[in-house]
């Protein structure tokens, strides 16, 4: 009975309150966001992030960064999101900023999918590494200097996913090229050449486009392995065959496997050139 009386008293007080300055049938935002403190905090963080993004000015960022190239900060529209990237920080960010992560033959939004796949691969490669100078403890005993390091569950997950990605690559050269560009930020021939004789520039432009095509294929194959892309979409774009190995990837492989400079100069590939 006391509970019922309390409800009646609250209803009476509500009726006696002056009407709010709102339209009939329309609730103020506080009626939704004010339900709990967590929702209100998220709303404030959202508006704060939007305010910083819209106030973006390139001059606000540092003039000097690592990597040997002057930073070029820019906003990239990924359709479902807007990213602030240093376009000169790595080949991936550079291609994204120039709109070269997607071509006219691709499905709409593939540039964003490839960028997301590249970022995910960076996380996986970094997570799969064993910290320090220790060997992974796979069998209960170490194989390197110092005490063997236990592999955490997250590391095992990263190693498994990377193993799947690598095993799904149809050609042996594809994953090393992908790892070099995505994780080690090796530019190969992805930086455009804008000076020199016209014939040389045109030859290097065609060579660069082949490297970009191979990188697109590698990212799409990794995207398929990680579940970001459907098999039908991949087949529709690429068919059954992988693109030819680009010159930059072939040269990079020779440079990586030669034991010394003399071995590189006398290798079979070098003699062919």
Protein backbone atom coordinates (compact mmCIF):
# COMPACT_ATOMS: atom_id res chain seq x y z
CA UNK A 1 0.00 0.00 0.00
CA UNK A 2 2.85 2.36 0.86
CA UNK A 3 4.43 1.61 -2.48
CA UNK A 4 1.23 2.47 -4.34
CA UNK A 5 0.87 5.71 -2.41
CA UNK A 6 4.43 6.68 -3.29
CA UNK A 7 3.75 6.15 -7.00
CA UNK A 8 0.62 8.33 -6.82
CA UNK A 9 2.56 11.10 -5.10
CA UNK A 10 5.27 11.05 -7.78
CA UNK A 11 2.63 11.20 -10.54
CA UNK A 12 0.99 14.17 -8.83
CA UNK A 13 4.30 16.02 -8.58
CA UNK A 14 5.03 15.29 -12.25
CA UNK A 15 1.69 16.76 -13.31
CA UNK A 16 2.32 19.87 -11.25
CA UNK A 17 5.73 20.51 -12.86
CA UNK A 18 5.79 23.17 -15.61
CA UNK A 19 5.88 21.72 -19.13
CA UNK A 20 9.29 21.44 -20.76
CA UNK A 21 10.05 23.66 -23.72
CA UNK A 22 9.88 20.85 -26.28
CA UNK A 23 7.59 19.82 -29.09
CA UNK A 24 4.85 17.29 -28.40
CA UNK A 25 6.12 13.74 -28.78
CA UNK A 26 9.81 14.77 -28.91
CA UNK A 27 12.17 13.88 -26.06
CA UNK A 28 15.36 15.83 -25.36
CA UNK A 29 18.68 14.00 -25.93
CA UNK A 30 19.21 13.71 -22.20
CA UNK A 31 16.25 11.28 -22.11
CA UNK A 32 18.41 8.83 -24.04
CA UNK A 33 22.00 9.63 -23.10
CA UNK A 34 21.20 10.51 -19.52
CA UNK A 35 20.07 7.00 -18.66
CA UNK A 36 23.49 6.05 -17.33
CA UNK A 37 26.88 7.62 -16.84
CA UNK A 38 28.66 5.28 -19.28
CA UNK A 39 26.48 6.30 -22.24
CA UNK A 40 26.98 9.97 -21.39
CA UNK A 41 30.75 9.49 -21.25
CA UNK A 42 30.76 7.76 -24.65
CA UNK A 43 28.73 10.58 -26.15
CA UNK A 44 31.16 13.18 -24.82
CA UNK A 45 34.15 11.23 -26.16
CA UNK A 46 32.47 10.96 -29.57
CA UNK A 47 31.90 14.71 -29.84
CA UNK A 48 35.42 15.40 -28.61
CA UNK A 49 36.93 13.10 -31.26
CA UNK A 50 34.79 14.66 -33.98
CA UNK A 51 35.86 18.15 -32.90
CA UNK A 52 39.55 17.21 -33.14
CA UNK A 53 39.08 15.52 -36.54
CA UNK A 54 37.25 18.49 -38.06
CA UNK A 55 39.87 20.91 -36.70
CA UNK A 56 42.66 18.94 -38.44
CA UNK A 57 45.46 21.07 -39.86
CA UNK A 58 48.59 19.64 -41.43
CA UNK A 59 50.71 22.32 -39.72
CA UNK A 60 49.78 20.86 -36.32
CA UNK A 61 51.91 17.76 -36.93
CA UNK A 62 55.70 17.44 -36.58
CA UNK A 63 57.91 18.37 -39.50
CA UNK A 64 60.38 15.54 -39.03
CA UNK A 65 59.64 11.83 -38.77
CA UNK A 66 61.58 8.62 -39.21
CA UNK A 67 61.95 6.81 -42.52
CA UNK A 68 63.96 9.42 -44.37
CA UNK A 69 60.96 11.21 -45.93
CA UNK A 70 59.27 14.44 -44.89
CA UNK A 71 55.86 13.58 -43.39
CA UNK A 72 52.74 14.32 -45.34
CA UNK A 73 49.74 14.16 -43.02
CA UNK A 74 46.39 13.83 -44.75
CA UNK A 75 42.80 12.75 -44.21
CA UNK A 76 41.79 9.61 -46.10
CA UNK A 77 38.12 8.88 -46.73
CA UNK A 78 37.57 5.11 -46.44
CA UNK A 79 33.80 5.43 -47.01
CA UNK A 80 32.94 3.87 -43.64
CA UNK A 81 35.60 5.84 -41.74
CA UNK A 82 38.03 8.73 -42.01
CA UNK A 83 41.67 8.04 -41.15
CA UNK A 84 44.49 10.49 -40.43
CA UNK A 85 47.66 9.06 -41.97
CA UNK A 86 51.20 10.14 -42.68
CA UNK A 87 51.25 9.38 -46.38
CA UNK A 88 55.05 9.15 -46.45
CA UNK A 89 55.44 6.90 -43.42
CA UNK A 90 55.24 3.66 -45.41
CA UNK A 91 54.31 2.35 -48.87
CA UNK A 92 50.87 1.24 -47.66
CA UNK A 93 49.86 4.67 -46.32
CA UNK A 94 51.35 6.27 -49.43
CA UNK A 95 49.26 4.16 -51.81
CA UNK A 96 46.12 4.69 -49.72
CA UNK A 97 46.57 8.47 -49.72
CA UNK A 98 46.94 8.48 -53.52
CA UNK A 99 43.91 6.25 -54.12
CA UNK A 100 46.12 3.54 -55.59
CA UNK A 101 44.94 0.80 -53.27
CA UNK A 102 41.94 0.32 -55.56
CA UNK A 103 41.51 0.27 -59.34
CA UNK A 104 38.55 0.48 -61.68
CA UNK A 105 38.42 -3.31 -61.87
CA UNK A 106 37.83 -3.68 -58.13
CA UNK A 107 34.59 -3.79 -56.20
CA UNK A 108 33.65 -0.57 -54.45
CA UNK A 109 35.37 -0.29 -51.09
CA UNK A 110 38.24 -2.69 -51.84
CA UNK A 111 40.77 0.03 -51.04
CA UNK A 112 39.49 0.13 -47.46
CA UNK A 113 39.48 -3.68 -47.22
CA UNK A 114 43.10 -3.86 -48.37
CA UNK A 115 44.16 -1.12 -45.96
CA UNK A 116 42.42 -2.91 -43.10
CA UNK A 117 44.07 -6.20 -44.11
CA UNK A 118 47.51 -4.54 -44.16
CA UNK A 119 46.98 -3.09 -40.67
CA UNK A 120 45.81 -6.49 -39.41
CA UNK A 121 48.87 -8.19 -40.88
CA UNK A 122 51.12 -5.70 -39.10
CA UNK A 123 49.49 -6.60 -35.81
CA UNK A 124 49.78 -10.33 -36.50
CA UNK A 125 53.45 -10.18 -37.52
CA UNK A 126 54.29 -8.06 -34.49
CA UNK A 127 52.27 -10.31 -32.18
CA UNK A 128 53.90 -13.47 -33.52
CA UNK A 129 57.40 -12.31 -32.70
CA UNK A 130 58.98 -13.65 -29.53
CA UNK A 131 60.33 -10.80 -27.42
CA UNK A 132 63.98 -10.53 -26.51
CA UNK A 133 66.80 -12.77 -27.68
CA UNK A 134 65.04 -15.96 -26.68
CA UNK A 135 63.84 -18.87 -28.75
CA UNK A 136 60.21 -19.98 -28.58
CA UNK A 137 59.68 -22.88 -26.23
CA UNK A 138 57.80 -25.32 -28.50
CA UNK A 139 59.00 -28.62 -27.07
CA UNK A 140 59.98 -27.67 -23.54
CA UNK A 141 63.56 -26.76 -24.43
CA UNK A 142 65.15 -23.68 -25.97
CA UNK A 143 67.11 -23.61 -29.21
CA UNK A 144 68.93 -20.29 -28.80
CA UNK A 145 70.89 -18.21 -26.37
CA UNK A 146 69.50 -17.67 -22.92
CA UNK A 147 66.53 -19.29 -21.31
CA UNK A 148 63.69 -20.35 -23.63
CA UNK A 149 60.65 -18.08 -23.66
CA UNK A 150 57.13 -19.37 -23.24
CA UNK A 151 54.79 -18.48 -26.08
CA UNK A 152 51.67 -16.76 -24.84
CA UNK A 153 48.23 -17.63 -26.16
CA UNK A 154 48.05 -14.42 -28.18
CA UNK A 155 51.38 -15.22 -29.85
CA UNK A 156 50.16 -18.69 -30.75
CA UNK A 157 47.02 -17.22 -32.30
CA UNK A 158 49.11 -14.80 -34.36
CA UNK A 159 51.49 -17.55 -35.45
CA UNK A 160 48.55 -19.75 -36.49
CA UNK A 161 46.85 -17.02 -38.51
CA UNK A 162 50.11 -16.03 -40.20
CA UNK A 163 50.78 -19.67 -41.02
CA UNK A 164 47.36 -19.90 -42.64
CA UNK A 165 47.97 -16.74 -44.67
CA UNK A 166 51.38 -17.95 -45.81
CA UNK A 167 50.11 -21.43 -46.71
CA UNK A 168 47.29 -19.95 -48.81
CA UNK A 169 49.67 -18.02 -51.05
CA UNK A 170 49.83 -19.77 -54.44
CA UNK A 171 53.45 -18.68 -55.13
CA UNK A 172 56.44 -18.73 -52.80
CA UNK A 173 57.51 -15.12 -53.50
CA UNK A 174 54.17 -13.52 -52.56
CA UNK A 175 54.28 -13.65 -48.75
CA UNK A 176 57.89 -12.39 -48.43
CA UNK A 177 57.00 -9.44 -50.66
CA UNK A 178 53.86 -8.76 -48.61
CA UNK A 179 55.79 -8.91 -45.34
CA UNK A 180 58.52 -6.61 -46.67
CA UNK A 181 56.10 -3.91 -47.83
CA UNK A 182 53.47 -4.12 -45.09
CA UNK A 183 55.59 -4.71 -42.00
CA UNK A 184 59.17 -3.71 -42.86
CA UNK A 185 58.08 -0.63 -44.88
CA UNK A 186 60.34 -1.45 -47.82
CA UNK A 187 59.41 0.75 -50.77
CA UNK A 188 60.79 -1.47 -53.56
CA UNK A 189 59.79 0.55 -56.67
CA UNK A 190 56.55 1.98 -55.25
CA UNK A 191 57.81 5.58 -55.03
CA UNK A 192 57.06 7.23 -58.41
CA UNK A 193 59.97 8.43 -60.52
CA UNK A 194 59.29 11.94 -61.83
CA UNK A 195 62.63 12.92 -63.39
CA UNK A 196 64.96 11.55 -66.02
CA UNK A 197 64.40 10.62 -69.68
CA UNK A 198 60.81 10.03 -70.78
CA UNK A 199 61.48 6.47 -71.97
CA UNK A 200 63.06 5.53 -68.63
CA UNK A 201 60.19 7.10 -66.66
CA UNK A 202 57.63 5.20 -68.72
CA UNK A 203 59.46 1.89 -68.23
CA UNK A 204 59.68 2.46 -64.47
CA UNK A 205 56.00 3.47 -64.36
CA UNK A 206 54.94 0.18 -65.97
CA UNK A 207 57.25 -1.74 -63.65
CA UNK A 208 55.73 0.06 -60.64
CA UNK A 209 52.16 -0.74 -61.76
CA UNK A 210 53.05 -4.44 -61.89
CA UNK A 211 54.34 -4.25 -58.31
CA UNK A 212 51.13 -2.53 -57.19
CA UNK A 213 49.05 -5.21 -58.92
CA UNK A 214 51.03 -7.96 -57.20
CA UNK A 215 50.59 -6.20 -53.85
CA UNK A 216 46.81 -5.96 -54.43
CA UNK A 217 46.71 -9.68 -55.17
CA UNK A 218 48.73 -10.52 -52.05
CA UNK A 219 46.50 -8.38 -49.82
CA UNK A 220 43.35 -9.86 -51.35
CA UNK A 221 44.66 -13.37 -50.81
CA UNK A 222 45.48 -12.54 -47.20
CA UNK A 223 42.04 -10.94 -46.84
CA UNK A 224 40.47 -14.16 -48.10
CA UNK A 225 42.48 -16.22 -45.60
CA UNK A 226 41.47 -13.93 -42.72
CA UNK A 227 37.79 -13.93 -43.67
CA UNK A 228 37.54 -10.32 -44.85
CA UNK A 229 36.76 -11.28 -48.44
CA UNK A 230 34.49 -13.88 -50.05
CA UNK A 231 35.86 -16.61 -52.32
CA UNK A 232 33.53 -15.61 -55.18
CA UNK A 233 34.64 -11.99 -55.03
CA UNK A 234 38.29 -13.05 -55.09
CA UNK A 235 37.79 -15.37 -58.06
CA UNK A 236 35.82 -12.73 -59.93
CA UNK A 237 38.68 -10.25 -59.56
CA UNK A 238 41.69 -12.51 -60.09
CA UNK A 239 40.54 -15.75 -61.67
CA UNK A 240 42.66 -18.80 -60.94
CA UNK A 241 46.19 -17.53 -61.63
CA UNK A 242 48.46 -15.27 -59.62
CA UNK A 243 50.07 -12.29 -61.39
CA UNK A 244 53.64 -12.62 -62.59
CA UNK A 245 56.35 -11.89 -60.06
CA UNK A 246 57.28 -8.20 -60.46
CA UNK A 247 60.86 -7.16 -61.05
CA UNK A 248 61.12 -5.42 -57.65
CA UNK A 249 60.06 -8.57 -55.76
CA UNK A 250 62.44 -10.72 -57.81
CA UNK A 251 65.33 -8.38 -57.15
CA UNK A 252 64.41 -8.14 -53.45
CA UNK A 253 64.42 -11.93 -53.11
CA UNK A 254 67.88 -12.16 -54.66
CA UNK A 255 69.19 -9.44 -52.38
CA UNK A 256 67.74 -11.18 -49.33
CA UNK A 257 69.06 -14.67 -50.10
CA UNK A 258 72.55 -13.83 -51.40
CA UNK A 259 75.12 -14.49 -48.69
CA UNK A 260 77.22 -11.49 -49.76
CA UNK A 261 77.55 -8.88 -52.48
CA UNK A 262 79.67 -11.20 -54.64
CA UNK A 263 76.98 -13.88 -54.40
CA UNK A 264 74.38 -11.36 -55.52
CA UNK A 265 76.43 -10.22 -58.51
CA UNK A 266 77.21 -13.77 -59.66
CA UNK A 267 73.74 -15.23 -59.06
CA UNK A 268 71.86 -16.81 -61.95
CA UNK A 269 69.31 -13.98 -61.96
CA UNK A 270 72.04 -11.34 -62.13
CA UNK A 271 73.72 -13.10 -65.07
CA UNK A 272 70.40 -13.14 -66.95
CA UNK A 273 70.05 -9.39 -66.62
